[in-house]
Amino acid sequence: MGALSGQSRPVLWQIDISHYSEKVRWALDYKEVDHVRRSPFPGMHMAIALTLTGGKAKTFPILQLDGRTIPDSTAAIAALEEYEPDPALYPSDPEERRRALALEDYFDEQLGPHARLLPFHELLSDPDLFAELAAQSVPAPMAKRRGWSAVTPAPTPACAGGPTTPRPRSKPAPGSSPRWTGWRRSC
């Protein structure tokens, strides 16, 4: 369970398709820390984040660990290093560690925001695809109120705990690339 086996299990508040949340999920899995994942309905995360952090953060991921509430993926990973030092996520050599943290910061601050916007850009150009994904992500009454057809994805092997992966919408026409309709989620 972790270094502090007498404590309750850590809780990761996350957005399923967030690469920042994925970073913390990878760290928890790599360190084999038994934990609970909470994925609120889309749009609810800001209110929950503000409540959990006493107004200090408005987004996920948030890790609740050893009596602390830790917003931000970088801070969560640093806390995990203290909680469960082995296996180490950061290099032990100070110069290599500095370089690893600089790369993490670069990807979080420079590349991350642009990577997060790309799916939304694609969704805005395809209202039908947006409606299909939205219907899969919200409770049926909310989807119905919005006029989205409620689509329930069939169970897939990805729900056995594999990584989050895109799934093709339909077989692409010869010479074209597939359209991606959604994400299989680790269950």
C-alpha atoms as a PDB file:
ATOM      1  CA  MET A   1       0.000   0.000   0.000  1.00  0.00           C
ATOM      2  CA  GLY A   2       2.794   2.403   0.621  1.00  0.00           C
ATOM      3  CA  ALA A   3       5.200   3.483   3.295  1.00  0.00           C
ATOM      4  CA  LEU A   4       2.411   4.495   5.682  1.00  0.00           C
ATOM      5  CA  SER A   5       0.316   1.353   5.650  1.00  0.00           C
ATOM      6  CA  GLY A   6      -1.698   2.494   8.679  1.00  0.00           C
ATOM      7  CA  GLN A   7      -3.077   5.476   6.761  1.00  0.00           C
ATOM      8  CA  SER A   8      -6.122   5.484   4.508  1.00  0.00           C
ATOM      9  CA  ARG A   9      -5.591   4.966   0.801  1.00  0.00           C
ATOM     10  CA  PRO A  10      -4.525   8.013  -1.204  1.00  0.00           C
ATOM     11  CA  VAL A  11      -7.246   9.551  -3.388  1.00  0.00           C
ATOM     12  CA  LEU A  12      -6.543  10.977  -6.837  1.00  0.00           C
ATOM     13  CA  TRP A  13      -9.151  13.468  -8.029  1.00  0.00           C
ATOM     14  CA  GLN A  14      -8.772  13.467 -11.788  1.00  0.00           C
ATOM     15  CA  ILE A  15     -10.111  14.221 -15.225  1.00  0.00           C
ATOM     16  CA  ASP A  16      -9.946  10.962 -17.178  1.00  0.00           C
ATOM     17  CA  ILE A  17      -8.549  12.440 -20.377  1.00  0.00           C
ATOM     18  CA  SER A  18      -6.168  14.938 -18.749  1.00  0.00           C
ATOM     19  CA  HIS A  19      -2.500  14.373 -19.462  1.00  0.00           C
ATOM     20  CA  TYR A  20      -1.708  16.041 -16.128  1.00  0.00           C
ATOM     21  CA  SER A  21      -3.873  13.462 -14.362  1.00  0.00           C
ATOM     22  CA  GLU A  22      -2.280  10.732 -16.460  1.00  0.00           C
ATOM     23  CA  LYS A  23       1.138  11.805 -15.219  1.00  0.00           C
ATOM     24  CA  VAL A  24       0.061  11.248 -11.605  1.00  0.00           C
ATOM     25  CA  ARG A  25      -1.665   7.955 -12.500  1.00  0.00           C
ATOM     26  CA  TRP A  26       1.597   6.728 -14.052  1.00  0.00           C
ATOM     27  CA  ALA A  27       3.538   7.706 -10.935  1.00  0.00           C
ATOM     28  CA  LEU A  28       1.067   5.950  -8.630  1.00  0.00           C
ATOM     29  CA  ASP A  29       1.089   2.841 -10.814  1.00  0.00           C
ATOM     30  CA  TYR A  30       4.888   2.810 -11.180  1.00  0.00           C
ATOM     31  CA  LYS A  31       5.294   3.038  -7.423  1.00  0.00           C
ATOM     32  CA  GLU A  32       2.499   0.470  -6.939  1.00  0.00           C
ATOM     33  CA  VAL A  33       0.693   2.745  -4.483  1.00  0.00           C
ATOM     34  CA  ASP A  34      -2.773   1.398  -3.734  1.00  0.00           C
ATOM     35  CA  HIS A  35      -5.131   4.335  -4.253  1.00  0.00           C
ATOM     36  CA  VAL A  36      -8.644   5.439  -5.155  1.00  0.00           C
ATOM     37  CA  ARG A  37      -9.448   7.410  -8.313  1.00  0.00           C
ATOM     38  CA  ARG A  38     -12.311   9.892  -8.389  1.00  0.00           C
ATOM     39  CA  SER A  39     -13.502  11.245 -11.749  1.00  0.00           C
ATOM     40  CA  PRO A  40     -16.409  13.677 -11.301  1.00  0.00           C
ATOM     41  CA  PHE A  41     -18.796  14.522 -14.112  1.00  0.00           C
ATOM     42  CA  PRO A  42     -17.295  16.955 -16.623  1.00  0.00           C
ATOM     43  CA  GLY A  43     -17.680  20.555 -15.544  1.00  0.00           C
ATOM     44  CA  MET A  44     -17.895  19.714 -11.835  1.00  0.00           C
ATOM     45  CA  HIS A  45     -14.151  19.563 -11.288  1.00  0.00           C
ATOM     46  CA  MET A  46     -13.677  23.298 -10.654  1.00  0.00           C
ATOM     47  CA  ALA A  47     -16.154  23.457  -7.782  1.00  0.00           C
ATOM     48  CA  ILE A  48     -14.732  20.284  -6.270  1.00  0.00           C
ATOM     49  CA  ALA A  49     -11.126  21.499  -6.647  1.00  0.00           C
ATOM     50  CA  LEU A  50     -11.956  24.832  -4.998  1.00  0.00           C
ATOM     51  CA  THR A  51     -13.687  23.024  -2.136  1.00  0.00           C
ATOM     52  CA  LEU A  52     -10.928  20.443  -1.604  1.00  0.00           C
ATOM     53  CA  THR A  53      -8.159  23.064  -1.610  1.00  0.00           C
ATOM     54  CA  GLY A  54      -9.933  25.822   0.286  1.00  0.00           C
ATOM     55  CA  GLY A  55      -9.949  28.013  -2.808  1.00  0.00           C
ATOM     56  CA  LYS A  56      -6.257  27.562  -3.677  1.00  0.00           C
ATOM     57  CA  ALA A  57      -6.752  25.506  -6.866  1.00  0.00           C
ATOM     58  CA  LYS A  58      -9.522  25.242  -9.421  1.00  0.00           C
ATOM     59  CA  THR A  59      -8.429  22.280 -11.484  1.00  0.00           C
ATOM     60  CA  PHE A  60      -7.323  18.667 -11.257  1.00  0.00           C
ATOM     61  CA  PRO A  61      -5.378  16.564 -10.574  1.00  0.00           C
ATOM     62  CA  ILE A  62      -5.523  16.777  -6.803  1.00  0.00           C
ATOM     63  CA  LEU A  63      -3.938  14.086  -4.692  1.00  0.00           C
ATOM     64  CA  GLN A  64      -5.116  13.487  -1.139  1.00  0.00           C
ATOM     65  CA  LEU A  65      -2.202  11.776   0.555  1.00  0.00           C
ATOM     66  CA  ASP A  66      -1.344  11.210   4.185  1.00  0.00           C
ATOM     67  CA  GLY A  67      -3.775  13.881   5.446  1.00  0.00           C
ATOM     68  CA  ARG A  68      -2.689  16.461   2.866  1.00  0.00           C
ATOM     69  CA  THR A  69      -4.507  17.804  -0.186  1.00  0.00           C
ATOM     70  CA  ILE A  70      -2.009  18.391  -2.985  1.00  0.00           C
ATOM     71  CA  PRO A  71      -3.067  20.226  -6.141  1.00  0.00           C
ATOM     72  CA  ASP A  72      -0.875  20.141  -9.268  1.00  0.00           C
ATOM     73  CA  SER A  73       0.701  17.085 -10.868  1.00  0.00           C
ATOM     74  CA  THR A  74       4.296  18.155 -10.177  1.00  0.00           C
ATOM     75  CA  ALA A  75       3.595  18.738  -6.474  1.00  0.00           C
ATOM     76  CA  ALA A  76       1.690  15.431  -6.286  1.00  0.00           C
ATOM     77  CA  ILE A  77       4.629  13.523  -7.755  1.00  0.00           C
ATOM     78  CA  ALA A  78       7.067  15.221  -5.355  1.00  0.00           C
ATOM     79  CA  ALA A  79       4.804  14.194  -2.461  1.00  0.00           C
ATOM     80  CA  LEU A  80       4.684  10.627  -3.796  1.00  0.00           C
ATOM     81  CA  GLU A  81       8.496  10.544  -3.801  1.00  0.00           C
ATOM     82  CA  GLU A  82       8.438  11.339  -0.085  1.00  0.00           C
ATOM     83  CA  TYR A  83       5.569   8.944   0.678  1.00  0.00           C
ATOM     84  CA  GLU A  84       6.993   5.991  -1.252  1.00  0.00           C
ATOM     85  CA  PRO A  85      10.670   6.619  -2.127  1.00  0.00           C
ATOM     86  CA  ASP A  86      11.210   3.299  -3.940  1.00  0.00           C
ATOM     87  CA  PRO A  87      11.230   2.951  -6.832  1.00  0.00           C
ATOM     88  CA  ALA A  88      12.457   6.477  -7.399  1.00  0.00           C
ATOM     89  CA  LEU A  89      10.879   8.613 -10.090  1.00  0.00           C
ATOM     90  CA  TYR A  90      13.629  11.229 -10.075  1.00  0.00           C
ATOM     91  CA  PRO A  91      17.325  10.591 -10.759  1.00  0.00           C
ATOM     92  CA  SER A  92      19.548  10.571  -7.665  1.00  0.00           C
ATOM     93  CA  ASP A  93      22.327  12.596  -9.348  1.00  0.00           C
ATOM     94  CA  PRO A  94      21.610  16.296  -8.619  1.00  0.00           C
ATOM     95  CA  GLU A  95      22.409  17.488 -12.153  1.00  0.00           C
ATOM     96  CA  GLU A  96      20.286  14.749 -13.770  1.00  0.00           C
ATOM     97  CA  ARG A  97      17.482  15.513 -11.322  1.00  0.00           C
ATOM     98  CA  ARG A  98      17.635  19.236 -12.181  1.00  0.00           C
ATOM     99  CA  ARG A  99      17.451  18.373 -15.886  1.00  0.00           C
ATOM    100  CA  ALA A 100      14.514  15.974 -15.344  1.00  0.00           C
ATOM    101  CA  LEU A 101      12.592  18.626 -13.386  1.00  0.00           C
ATOM    102  CA  ALA A 102      13.362  21.258 -16.048  1.00  0.00           C
ATOM    103  CA  LEU A 103      11.998  18.918 -18.751  1.00  0.00           C
ATOM    104  CA  GLU A 104       8.906  18.228 -16.661  1.00  0.00           C
ATOM    105  CA  ASP A 105       8.339  21.959 -16.245  1.00  0.00           C
ATOM    106  CA  TYR A 106       8.826  22.567 -19.978  1.00  0.00           C
ATOM    107  CA  PHE A 107       6.320  19.896 -20.971  1.00  0.00           C
ATOM    108  CA  ASP A 108       3.815  21.054 -18.342  1.00  0.00           C
ATOM    109  CA  GLU A 109       4.031  24.773 -19.065  1.00  0.00           C
ATOM    110  CA  GLN A 110       4.971  25.003 -22.759  1.00  0.00           C
ATOM    111  CA  LEU A 111       3.635  21.908 -24.489  1.00  0.00           C
ATOM    112  CA  GLY A 112       0.823  20.851 -22.142  1.00  0.00           C
ATOM    113  CA  PRO A 113      -1.572  23.763 -22.723  1.00  0.00           C
ATOM    114  CA  HIS A 114      -1.332  23.364 -26.501  1.00  0.00           C
ATOM    115  CA  ALA A 115      -1.773  19.584 -26.325  1.00  0.00           C
ATOM    116  CA  ARG A 116      -4.890  20.117 -24.203  1.00  0.00           C
ATOM    117  CA  LEU A 117      -6.432  22.473 -26.787  1.00  0.00           C
ATOM    118  CA  LEU A 118      -5.940  20.214 -29.802  1.00  0.00           C
ATOM    119  CA  PRO A 119      -8.846  17.827 -29.065  1.00  0.00           C
ATOM    120  CA  PHE A 120     -11.173  20.778 -28.444  1.00  0.00           C
ATOM    121  CA  HIS A 121     -10.156  22.339 -31.738  1.00  0.00           C
ATOM    122  CA  GLU A 122     -11.057  19.096 -33.519  1.00  0.00           C
ATOM    123  CA  LEU A 123     -14.340  18.749 -31.630  1.00  0.00           C
ATOM    124  CA  LEU A 124     -15.462  22.256 -32.513  1.00  0.00           C
ATOM    125  CA  SER A 125     -15.143  21.459 -36.212  1.00  0.00           C
ATOM    126  CA  ASP A 126     -17.391  18.373 -35.905  1.00  0.00           C
ATOM    127  CA  PRO A 127     -20.655  19.038 -33.972  1.00  0.00           C
ATOM    128  CA  ASP A 128     -21.862  15.439 -34.442  1.00  0.00           C
ATOM    129  CA  LEU A 129     -18.677  14.061 -32.940  1.00  0.00           C
ATOM    130  CA  PHE A 130     -18.944  16.568 -30.085  1.00  0.00           C
ATOM    131  CA  ALA A 131     -22.524  15.463 -29.374  1.00  0.00           C
ATOM    132  CA  GLU A 132     -21.533  11.800 -29.434  1.00  0.00           C
ATOM    133  CA  LEU A 133     -18.684  12.315 -26.974  1.00  0.00           C
ATOM    134  CA  ALA A 134     -20.737  14.590 -24.748  1.00  0.00           C
ATOM    135  CA  ALA A 135     -23.515  12.009 -24.563  1.00  0.00           C
ATOM    136  CA  GLN A 136     -20.974   9.433 -23.354  1.00  0.00           C
ATOM    137  CA  SER A 137     -19.589  11.766 -20.700  1.00  0.00           C
ATOM    138  CA  VAL A 138     -22.672  13.089 -18.923  1.00  0.00           C
ATOM    139  CA  PRO A 139     -25.669  11.510 -17.201  1.00  0.00           C
ATOM    140  CA  ALA A 140     -28.419  10.449 -19.633  1.00  0.00           C
ATOM    141  CA  PRO A 141     -30.972  13.072 -18.444  1.00  0.00           C
ATOM    142  CA  MET A 142     -28.473  15.861 -19.075  1.00  0.00           C
ATOM    143  CA  ALA A 143     -27.637  14.501 -22.544  1.00  0.00           C
ATOM    144  CA  LYS A 144     -31.320  14.220 -23.381  1.00  0.00           C
ATOM    145  CA  ARG A 145     -31.960  17.807 -22.252  1.00  0.00           C
ATOM    146  CA  ARG A 146     -29.174  18.970 -24.577  1.00  0.00           C
ATOM    147  CA  GLY A 147     -30.558  16.951 -27.476  1.00  0.00           C
ATOM    148  CA  TRP A 148     -27.594  14.585 -27.583  1.00  0.00           C
ATOM    149  CA  SER A 149     -28.333  10.965 -28.312  1.00  0.00           C
ATOM    150  CA  ALA A 150     -27.337   8.903 -25.351  1.00  0.00           C
ATOM    151  CA  VAL A 151     -24.645   6.513 -26.500  1.00  0.00           C
ATOM    152  CA  THR A 152     -23.403   3.851 -24.167  1.00  0.00           C
ATOM    153  CA  PRO A 153     -20.074   2.427 -25.230  1.00  0.00           C
ATOM    154  CA  ALA A 154     -19.845  -1.352 -25.231  1.00  0.00           C
ATOM    155  CA  PRO A 155     -17.552  -2.873 -22.604  1.00  0.00           C
ATOM    156  CA  THR A 156     -14.051  -3.250 -23.979  1.00  0.00           C
ATOM    157  CA  PRO A 157     -10.897  -5.034 -22.886  1.00  0.00           C
ATOM    158  CA  ALA A 158      -9.470  -1.576 -22.054  1.00  0.00           C
ATOM    159  CA  CYS A 159     -11.808  -1.512 -19.046  1.00  0.00           C
ATOM    160  CA  ALA A 160      -9.744  -4.329 -17.578  1.00  0.00           C
ATOM    161  CA  GLY A 161      -7.232  -1.713 -16.457  1.00  0.00           C
ATOM    162  CA  GLY A 162      -5.195  -0.945 -19.556  1.00  0.00           C
ATOM    163  CA  PRO A 163      -4.051   2.555 -20.481  1.00  0.00           C
ATOM    164  CA  THR A 164      -6.397   5.159 -21.873  1.00  0.00           C
ATOM    165  CA  THR A 165      -6.424   4.756 -25.658  1.00  0.00           C
ATOM    166  CA  PRO A 166      -8.280   6.366 -28.535  1.00  0.00           C
ATOM    167  CA  ARG A 167     -10.662   4.211 -30.540  1.00  0.00           C
ATOM    168  CA  PRO A 168     -11.460   4.641 -34.236  1.00  0.00           C
ATOM    169  CA  ARG A 169     -14.932   5.921 -35.139  1.00  0.00           C
ATOM    170  CA  SER A 170     -15.325   3.850 -38.244  1.00  0.00           C
ATOM    171  CA  LYS A 171     -13.210   2.156 -40.825  1.00  0.00           C
ATOM    172  CA  PRO A 172     -11.437   4.915 -42.746  1.00  0.00           C
ATOM    173  CA  ALA A 173     -11.812   5.287 -46.469  1.00  0.00           C
ATOM    174  CA  PRO A 174      -8.783   4.120 -48.475  1.00  0.00           C
ATOM    175  CA  GLY A 175      -6.061   6.746 -48.350  1.00  0.00           C
ATOM    176  CA  SER A 176      -7.590   8.658 -45.413  1.00  0.00           C
ATOM    177  CA  SER A 177      -6.815   8.651 -41.725  1.00  0.00           C
ATOM    178  CA  PRO A 178      -9.281   7.380 -39.107  1.00  0.00           C
ATOM    179  CA  ARG A 179     -11.558   9.718 -37.154  1.00  0.00           C
ATOM    180  CA  TRP A 180     -11.231   9.313 -33.408  1.00  0.00           C
ATOM    181  CA  THR A 181     -14.483   9.318 -31.513  1.00  0.00           C
ATOM    182  CA  GLY A 182     -13.619   8.873 -27.927  1.00  0.00           C
ATOM    183  CA  TRP A 183     -11.422   7.413 -25.303  1.00  0.00           C
ATOM    184  CA  ARG A 184     -11.550   4.021 -23.723  1.00  0.00           C
ATOM    185  CA  ARG A 185     -11.124   4.512 -20.046  1.00  0.00           C
ATOM    186  CA  SER A 186      -9.337   2.423 -17.520  1.00  0.00           C
ATOM    187  CA  CYS A 187     -12.123   1.306 -15.217  1.00  0.00           C
END
